[in-house]
Amino acid sequence: MSSTTVQNASPAVPQQGTHHYVLTLDLPGRMAATWTGTITPGAKDTRHDLYVFLRKHVTAELPEYARANVAFFSLEPNRL
């Protein structure tokens, strides 16, 4: 009896798990708003990738925030 072990040519990229985010955008003298939630990044996504994704998501729904200042941004693993 023989057994065979199959290995990938490249090591598996570990999953990052769910992250909690807080994003506050400010239009000085007009309005400010905060979005919070959870997001599960892809295996190769970076903090910057998720920041850009969230900004695009917000401005797709509310185009007036496209030129808003970022007052606060936090992205942390969603665990205690």
PDB file of N, CA and C in Angstrom:
ATOM      1  N   MET A   1       0.846  -1.153   0.000  1.00  0.00           N
ATOM      2  CA  MET A   1       0.000   0.000   0.000  1.00  0.00           C
ATOM      3  C   MET A   1       0.900   1.227   0.000  1.00  0.00           C
ATOM      4  N   SER A   2       0.556   2.214  -0.820  1.00  0.00           N
ATOM      5  CA  SER A   2       1.322   3.436  -0.845  1.00  0.00           C
ATOM      6  C   SER A   2       0.387   4.629  -0.678  1.00  0.00           C
ATOM      7  N   SER A   3       0.946   5.718  -0.219  1.00  0.00           N
ATOM      8  CA  SER A   3       0.156   6.944  -0.091  1.00  0.00           C
ATOM      9  C   SER A   3       0.916   8.073  -0.761  1.00  0.00           C
ATOM     10  N   THR A   4       0.171   9.045  -1.236  1.00  0.00           N
ATOM     11  CA  THR A   4       0.766  10.180  -1.910  1.00  0.00           C
ATOM     12  C   THR A   4       0.294  11.463  -1.250  1.00  0.00           C
ATOM     13  N   THR A   5       1.215  12.357  -1.005  1.00  0.00           N
ATOM     14  CA  THR A   5       0.874  13.671  -0.463  1.00  0.00           C
ATOM     15  C   THR A   5       1.009  14.680  -1.578  1.00  0.00           C
ATOM     16  N   VAL A   6      -0.050  15.454  -1.782  1.00  0.00           N
ATOM     17  CA  VAL A   6      -0.033  16.477  -2.816  1.00  0.00           C
ATOM     18  C   VAL A   6       0.168  17.827  -2.143  1.00  0.00           C
ATOM     19  N   GLN A   7       1.140  18.569  -2.653  1.00  0.00           N
ATOM     20  CA  GLN A   7       1.400  19.899  -2.121  1.00  0.00           C
ATOM     21  C   GLN A   7       1.225  20.918  -3.228  1.00  0.00           C
ATOM     22  N   ASN A   8       0.708  22.071  -2.848  1.00  0.00           N
ATOM     23  CA  ASN A   8       0.579  23.162  -3.815  1.00  0.00           C
ATOM     24  C   ASN A   8       1.958  23.709  -4.122  1.00  0.00           C
ATOM     25  N   ALA A   9       2.094  24.264  -5.317  1.00  0.00           N
ATOM     26  CA  ALA A   9       3.364  24.865  -5.706  1.00  0.00           C
ATOM     27  C   ALA A   9       3.666  26.092  -4.844  1.00  0.00           C
ATOM     28  N   SER A  10       2.613  26.811  -4.418  1.00  0.00           N
ATOM     29  CA  SER A  10       2.805  27.974  -3.546  1.00  0.00           C
ATOM     30  C   SER A  10       2.008  27.768  -2.267  1.00  0.00           C
ATOM     31  N   PRO A  11       2.521  28.272  -1.161  1.00  0.00           N
ATOM     32  CA  PRO A  11       1.802  28.087   0.088  1.00  0.00           C
ATOM     33  C   PRO A  11       0.470  28.833   0.065  1.00  0.00           C
ATOM     34  N   ALA A  12      -0.511  28.291   0.759  1.00  0.00           N
ATOM     35  CA  ALA A  12      -1.834  28.914   0.823  1.00  0.00           C
ATOM     36  C   ALA A  12      -1.747  30.245   1.560  1.00  0.00           C
ATOM     37  N   VAL A  13      -2.487  31.216   1.057  1.00  0.00           N
ATOM     38  CA  VAL A  13      -2.544  32.521   1.719  1.00  0.00           C
ATOM     39  C   VAL A  13      -3.633  32.439   2.773  1.00  0.00           C
ATOM     40  N   PRO A  14      -3.296  32.715   4.041  1.00  0.00           N
ATOM     41  CA  PRO A  14      -4.304  32.589   5.089  1.00  0.00           C
ATOM     42  C   PRO A  14      -5.407  33.633   4.936  1.00  0.00           C
ATOM     43  N   GLN A  15      -6.612  33.235   5.280  1.00  0.00           N
ATOM     44  CA  GLN A  15      -7.743  34.158   5.262  1.00  0.00           C
ATOM     45  C   GLN A  15      -7.581  35.177   6.382  1.00  0.00           C
ATOM     46  N   GLN A  16      -8.074  36.394   6.142  1.00  0.00           N
ATOM     47  CA  GLN A  16      -7.903  37.462   7.112  1.00  0.00           C
ATOM     48  C   GLN A  16      -9.030  37.541   8.129  1.00  0.00           C
ATOM     49  N   GLY A  17     -10.165  36.944   7.849  1.00  0.00           N
ATOM     50  CA  GLY A  17     -11.288  37.010   8.772  1.00  0.00           C
ATOM     51  C   GLY A  17     -12.038  38.329   8.648  1.00  0.00           C
ATOM     52  N   THR A  18     -13.129  38.418   9.369  1.00  0.00           N
ATOM     53  CA  THR A  18     -13.976  39.599   9.326  1.00  0.00           C
ATOM     54  C   THR A  18     -13.343  40.755  10.099  1.00  0.00           C
ATOM     55  N   HIS A  19     -13.503  41.960   9.572  1.00  0.00           N
ATOM     56  CA  HIS A  19     -12.987  43.173  10.199  1.00  0.00           C
ATOM     57  C   HIS A  19     -14.134  44.153  10.449  1.00  0.00           C
ATOM     58  N   HIS A  20     -14.012  44.928  11.502  1.00  0.00           N
ATOM     59  CA  HIS A  20     -14.970  45.988  11.803  1.00  0.00           C
ATOM     60  C   HIS A  20     -14.371  47.302  11.337  1.00  0.00           C
ATOM     61  N   TYR A  21     -15.198  48.133  10.701  1.00  0.00           N
ATOM     62  CA  TYR A  21     -14.707  49.431  10.233  1.00  0.00           C
ATOM     63  C   TYR A  21     -15.577  50.568  10.742  1.00  0.00           C
ATOM     64  N   VAL A  22     -14.960  51.741  10.859  1.00  0.00           N
ATOM     65  CA  VAL A  22     -15.646  52.996  11.154  1.00  0.00           C
ATOM     66  C   VAL A  22     -15.044  54.021  10.200  1.00  0.00           C
ATOM     67  N   LEU A  23     -15.902  54.703   9.451  1.00  0.00           N
ATOM     68  CA  LEU A  23     -15.461  55.714   8.496  1.00  0.00           C
ATOM     69  C   LEU A  23     -16.315  56.958   8.690  1.00  0.00           C
ATOM     70  N   THR A  24     -15.673  58.067   9.031  1.00  0.00           N
ATOM     71  CA  THR A  24     -16.374  59.339   9.183  1.00  0.00           C
ATOM     72  C   THR A  24     -15.868  60.302   8.124  1.00  0.00           C
ATOM     73  N   LEU A  25     -16.808  60.832   7.346  1.00  0.00           N
ATOM     74  CA  LEU A  25     -16.490  61.807   6.311  1.00  0.00           C
ATOM     75  C   LEU A  25     -17.134  63.133   6.672  1.00  0.00           C
ATOM     76  N   ASP A  26     -16.437  64.220   6.378  1.00  0.00           N
ATOM     77  CA  ASP A  26     -16.886  65.553   6.762  1.00  0.00           C
ATOM     78  C   ASP A  26     -16.836  66.500   5.571  1.00  0.00           C
ATOM     79  N   LEU A  27     -17.942  67.172   5.334  1.00  0.00           N
ATOM     80  CA  LEU A  27     -18.002  68.276   4.385  1.00  0.00           C
ATOM     81  C   LEU A  27     -18.077  69.526   5.245  1.00  0.00           C
ATOM     82  N   PRO A  28     -16.936  70.198   5.482  1.00  0.00           N
ATOM     83  CA  PRO A  28     -16.876  71.301   6.443  1.00  0.00           C
ATOM     84  C   PRO A  28     -17.968  72.354   6.215  1.00  0.00           C
ATOM     85  N   GLY A  29     -18.632  72.685   7.307  1.00  0.00           N
ATOM     86  CA  GLY A  29     -19.688  73.680   7.267  1.00  0.00           C
ATOM     87  C   GLY A  29     -20.996  73.187   6.692  1.00  0.00           C
ATOM     88  N   ARG A  30     -21.025  71.935   6.220  1.00  0.00           N
ATOM     89  CA  ARG A  30     -22.250  71.407   5.612  1.00  0.00           C
ATOM     90  C   ARG A  30     -22.793  70.211   6.363  1.00  0.00           C
ATOM     91  N   MET A  31     -22.033  69.130   6.395  1.00  0.00           N
ATOM     92  CA  MET A  31     -22.511  67.912   7.050  1.00  0.00           C
ATOM     93  C   MET A  31     -21.357  66.938   7.251  1.00  0.00           C
ATOM     94  N   ALA A  32     -21.585  66.037   8.160  1.00  0.00           N
ATOM     95  CA  ALA A  32     -20.647  64.937   8.420  1.00  0.00           C
ATOM     96  C   ALA A  32     -21.484  63.687   8.651  1.00  0.00           C
ATOM     97  N   ALA A  33     -20.904  62.539   8.343  1.00  0.00           N
ATOM     98  CA  ALA A  33     -21.613  61.275   8.550  1.00  0.00           C
ATOM     99  C   ALA A  33     -20.605  60.184   8.858  1.00  0.00           C
ATOM    100  N   THR A  34     -21.070  59.177   9.601  1.00  0.00           N
ATOM    101  CA  THR A  34     -20.236  58.040   9.980  1.00  0.00           C
ATOM    102  C   THR A  34     -20.894  56.753   9.512  1.00  0.00           C
ATOM    103  N   TRP A  35     -20.091  55.868   8.937  1.00  0.00           N
ATOM    104  CA  TRP A  35     -20.542  54.545   8.522  1.00  0.00           C
ATOM    105  C   TRP A  35     -19.767  53.517   9.328  1.00  0.00           C
ATOM    106  N   THR A  36     -20.455  52.491   9.785  1.00  0.00           N
ATOM    107  CA  THR A  36     -19.808  51.401  10.523  1.00  0.00           C
ATOM    108  C   THR A  36     -20.342  50.079  10.002  1.00  0.00           C
ATOM    109  N   GLY A  37     -19.578  49.042  10.203  1.00  0.00           N
ATOM    110  CA  GLY A  37     -20.031  47.723   9.792  1.00  0.00           C
ATOM    111  C   GLY A  37     -18.891  46.741   9.824  1.00  0.00           C
ATOM    112  N   THR A  38     -19.133  45.608   9.206  1.00  0.00           N
ATOM    113  CA  THR A  38     -18.099  44.587   9.097  1.00  0.00           C
ATOM    114  C   THR A  38     -17.868  44.279   7.624  1.00  0.00           C
ATOM    115  N   ILE A  39     -16.655  43.842   7.344  1.00  0.00           N
ATOM    116  CA  ILE A  39     -16.266  43.496   5.984  1.00  0.00           C
ATOM    117  C   ILE A  39     -15.243  42.369   6.071  1.00  0.00           C
ATOM    118  N   THR A  40     -15.310  41.454   5.138  1.00  0.00           N
ATOM    119  CA  THR A  40     -14.344  40.358   5.104  1.00  0.00           C
ATOM    120  C   THR A  40     -13.446  40.546   3.893  1.00  0.00           C
ATOM    121  N   PRO A  41     -12.201  40.928   4.131  1.00  0.00           N
ATOM    122  CA  PRO A  41     -11.288  41.169   3.011  1.00  0.00           C
ATOM    123  C   PRO A  41     -10.892  39.875   2.314  1.00  0.00           C
ATOM    124  N   GLY A  42     -10.514  40.010   1.062  1.00  0.00           N
ATOM    125  CA  GLY A  42      -9.948  38.883   0.344  1.00  0.00           C
ATOM    126  C   GLY A  42      -8.576  38.559   0.912  1.00  0.00           C
ATOM    127  N   ALA A  43      -8.061  37.429   0.571  1.00  0.00           N
ATOM    128  CA  ALA A  43      -6.794  36.961   1.135  1.00  0.00           C
ATOM    129  C   ALA A  43      -5.638  37.926   0.888  1.00  0.00           C
ATOM    130  N   LYS A  44      -5.662  38.654  -0.218  1.00  0.00           N
ATOM    131  CA  LYS A  44      -4.548  39.549  -0.551  1.00  0.00           C
ATOM    132  C   LYS A  44      -4.911  41.027  -0.401  1.00  0.00           C
ATOM    133  N   ASP A  45      -6.115  41.333   0.072  1.00  0.00           N
ATOM    134  CA  ASP A  45      -6.513  42.728   0.241  1.00  0.00           C
ATOM    135  C   ASP A  45      -5.688  43.405   1.329  1.00  0.00           C
ATOM    136  N   THR A  46      -5.434  44.693   1.122  1.00  0.00           N
ATOM    137  CA  THR A  46      -4.709  45.489   2.103  1.00  0.00           C
ATOM    138  C   THR A  46      -5.667  46.468   2.782  1.00  0.00           C
ATOM    139  N   ARG A  47      -5.187  47.115   3.820  1.00  0.00           N
ATOM    140  CA  ARG A  47      -5.964  48.151   4.501  1.00  0.00           C
ATOM    141  C   ARG A  47      -6.362  49.245   3.504  1.00  0.00           C
ATOM    142  N   HIS A  48      -5.431  49.637   2.648  1.00  0.00           N
ATOM    143  CA  HIS A  48      -5.711  50.659   1.640  1.00  0.00           C
ATOM    144  C   HIS A  48      -6.787  50.186   0.662  1.00  0.00           C
ATOM    145  N   ASP A  49      -6.731  48.937   0.239  1.00  0.00           N
ATOM    146  CA  ASP A  49      -7.745  48.395  -0.671  1.00  0.00           C
ATOM    147  C   ASP A  49      -9.144  48.541  -0.057  1.00  0.00           C
ATOM    148  N   LEU A  50      -9.273  48.218   1.226  1.00  0.00           N
ATOM    149  CA  LEU A  50     -10.578  48.302   1.877  1.00  0.00           C
ATOM    150  C   LEU A  50     -11.009  49.746   2.077  1.00  0.00           C
ATOM    151  N   TYR A  51     -10.073  50.636   2.383  1.00  0.00           N
ATOM    152  CA  TYR A  51     -10.384  52.055   2.505  1.00  0.00           C
ATOM    153  C   TYR A  51     -10.944  52.583   1.176  1.00  0.00           C
ATOM    154  N   VAL A  52     -10.271  52.288   0.070  1.00  0.00           N
ATOM    155  CA  VAL A  52     -10.721  52.742  -1.251  1.00  0.00           C
ATOM    156  C   VAL A  52     -12.091  52.137  -1.570  1.00  0.00           C
ATOM    157  N   PHE A  53     -12.278  50.859  -1.272  1.00  0.00           N
ATOM    158  CA  PHE A  53     -13.558  50.197  -1.519  1.00  0.00           C
ATOM    159  C   PHE A  53     -14.681  50.878  -0.743  1.00  0.00           C
ATOM    160  N   LEU A  54     -14.447  51.168   0.534  1.00  0.00           N
ATOM    161  CA  LEU A  54     -15.483  51.796   1.358  1.00  0.00           C
ATOM    162  C   LEU A  54     -15.797  53.203   0.868  1.00  0.00           C
ATOM    163  N   ARG A  55     -14.780  53.983   0.517  1.00  0.00           N
ATOM    164  CA  ARG A  55     -15.023  55.334  -0.026  1.00  0.00           C
ATOM    165  C   ARG A  55     -15.866  55.255  -1.298  1.00  0.00           C
ATOM    166  N   LYS A  56     -15.534  54.333  -2.184  1.00  0.00           N
ATOM    167  CA  LYS A  56     -16.296  54.185  -3.429  1.00  0.00           C
ATOM    168  C   LYS A  56     -17.732  53.752  -3.146  1.00  0.00           C
ATOM    169  N   HIS A  57     -17.901  52.872  -2.177  1.00  0.00           N
ATOM    170  CA  HIS A  57     -19.235  52.395  -1.807  1.00  0.00           C
ATOM    171  C   HIS A  57     -20.094  53.557  -1.301  1.00  0.00           C
ATOM    172  N   VAL A  58     -19.521  54.380  -0.443  1.00  0.00           N
ATOM    173  CA  VAL A  58     -20.252  55.526   0.112  1.00  0.00           C
ATOM    174  C   VAL A  58     -20.588  56.533  -0.987  1.00  0.00           C
ATOM    175  N   THR A  59     -19.613  56.874  -1.815  1.00  0.00           N
ATOM    176  CA  THR A  59     -19.846  57.912  -2.821  1.00  0.00           C
ATOM    177  C   THR A  59     -20.725  57.430  -3.972  1.00  0.00           C
ATOM    178  N   ALA A  60     -20.844  56.138  -4.158  1.00  0.00           N
ATOM    179  CA  ALA A  60     -21.786  55.627  -5.158  1.00  0.00           C
ATOM    180  C   ALA A  60     -23.219  55.934  -4.719  1.00  0.00           C
ATOM    181  N   GLU A  61     -23.452  55.855  -3.423  1.00  0.00           N
ATOM    182  CA  GLU A  61     -24.783  56.137  -2.874  1.00  0.00           C
ATOM    183  C   GLU A  61     -24.991  57.631  -2.616  1.00  0.00           C
ATOM    184  N   LEU A  62     -23.926  58.325  -2.218  1.00  0.00           N
ATOM    185  CA  LEU A  62     -24.000  59.739  -1.849  1.00  0.00           C
ATOM    186  C   LEU A  62     -22.863  60.498  -2.539  1.00  0.00           C
ATOM    187  N   PRO A  63     -23.031  60.856  -3.806  1.00  0.00           N
ATOM    188  CA  PRO A  63     -21.948  61.480  -4.571  1.00  0.00           C
ATOM    189  C   PRO A  63     -21.397  62.767  -3.952  1.00  0.00           C
ATOM    190  N   GLU A  64     -22.191  63.460  -3.147  1.00  0.00           N
ATOM    191  CA  GLU A  64     -21.705  64.694  -2.528  1.00  0.00           C
ATOM    192  C   GLU A  64     -20.528  64.450  -1.589  1.00  0.00           C
ATOM    193  N   TYR A  65     -20.348  63.230  -1.131  1.00  0.00           N
ATOM    194  CA  TYR A  65     -19.234  62.908  -0.234  1.00  0.00           C
ATOM    195  C   TYR A  65     -17.934  62.573  -0.981  1.00  0.00           C
ATOM    196  N   ALA A  66     -17.937  62.638  -2.297  1.00  0.00           N
ATOM    197  CA  ALA A  66     -16.733  62.310  -3.069  1.00  0.00           C
ATOM    198  C   ALA A  66     -15.565  63.232  -2.730  1.00  0.00           C
ATOM    199  N   ARG A  67     -15.850  64.467  -2.364  1.00  0.00           N
ATOM    200  CA  ARG A  67     -14.790  65.432  -2.036  1.00  0.00           C
ATOM    201  C   ARG A  67     -14.698  65.694  -0.534  1.00  0.00           C
ATOM    202  N   ALA A  68     -15.321  64.856   0.258  1.00  0.00           N
ATOM    203  CA  ALA A  68     -15.324  65.050   1.711  1.00  0.00           C
ATOM    204  C   ALA A  68     -13.960  64.740   2.316  1.00  0.00           C
ATOM    205  N   ASN A  69     -13.705  65.375   3.445  1.00  0.00           N
ATOM    206  CA  ASN A  69     -12.500  65.081   4.224  1.00  0.00           C
ATOM    207  C   ASN A  69     -12.749  63.841   5.075  1.00  0.00           C
ATOM    208  N   VAL A  70     -11.722  63.030   5.224  1.00  0.00           N
ATOM    209  CA  VAL A  70     -11.819  61.884   6.125  1.00  0.00           C
ATOM    210  C   VAL A  70     -11.489  62.376   7.528  1.00  0.00           C
ATOM    211  N   ALA A  71     -12.485  62.330   8.391  1.00  0.00           N
ATOM    212  CA  ALA A  71     -12.286  62.758   9.772  1.00  0.00           C
ATOM    213  C   ALA A  71     -11.787  61.597  10.629  1.00  0.00           C
ATOM    214  N   PHE A  72     -12.178  60.372  10.257  1.00  0.00           N
ATOM    215  CA  PHE A  72     -11.778  59.206  11.033  1.00  0.00           C
ATOM    216  C   PHE A  72     -11.918  57.965  10.178  1.00  0.00           C
ATOM    217  N   PHE A  73     -10.942  57.045  10.297  1.00  0.00           N
ATOM    218  CA  PHE A  73     -11.035  55.739   9.656  1.00  0.00           C
ATOM    219  C   PHE A  73     -10.369  54.719  10.554  1.00  0.00           C
ATOM    220  N   SER A  74     -11.083  53.648  10.828  1.00  0.00           N
ATOM    221  CA  SER A  74     -10.534  52.555  11.635  1.00  0.00           C
ATOM    222  C   SER A  74     -10.936  51.236  10.994  1.00  0.00           C
ATOM    223  N   LEU A  75     -10.007  50.308  10.958  1.00  0.00           N
ATOM    224  CA  LEU A  75     -10.246  48.972  10.436  1.00  0.00           C
ATOM    225  C   LEU A  75      -9.492  48.007  11.325  1.00  0.00           C
ATOM    226  N   GLU A  76     -10.222  47.177  12.047  1.00  0.00           N
ATOM    227  CA  GLU A  76      -9.627  46.253  13.011  1.00  0.00           C
ATOM    228  C   GLU A  76     -10.219  44.870  12.862  1.00  0.00           C
ATOM    229  N   PRO A  77      -9.452  43.819  13.155  1.00  0.00           N
ATOM    230  CA  PRO A  77     -10.027  42.482  13.176  1.00  0.00           C
ATOM    231  C   PRO A  77     -11.229  42.446  14.119  1.00  0.00           C
ATOM    232  N   ASN A  78     -12.285  41.792  13.702  1.00  0.00           N
ATOM    233  CA  ASN A  78     -13.533  41.767  14.464  1.00  0.00           C
ATOM    234  C   ASN A  78     -13.517  40.625  15.481  1.00  0.00           C
ATOM    235  N   ARG A  79     -12.679  40.806  16.481  1.00  0.00           N
ATOM    236  CA  ARG A  79     -12.598  39.810  17.561  1.00  0.00           C
ATOM    237  C   ARG A  79     -12.237  40.538  18.855  1.00  0.00           C
ATOM    238  N   LEU A  80     -12.475  39.901  19.953  1.00  0.00           N
ATOM    239  CA  LEU A  80     -12.137  40.498  21.249  1.00  0.00           C
ATOM    240  C   LEU A  80     -10.834  39.939  21.763  1.00  0.00           C
TER     241      LEU A  80
END
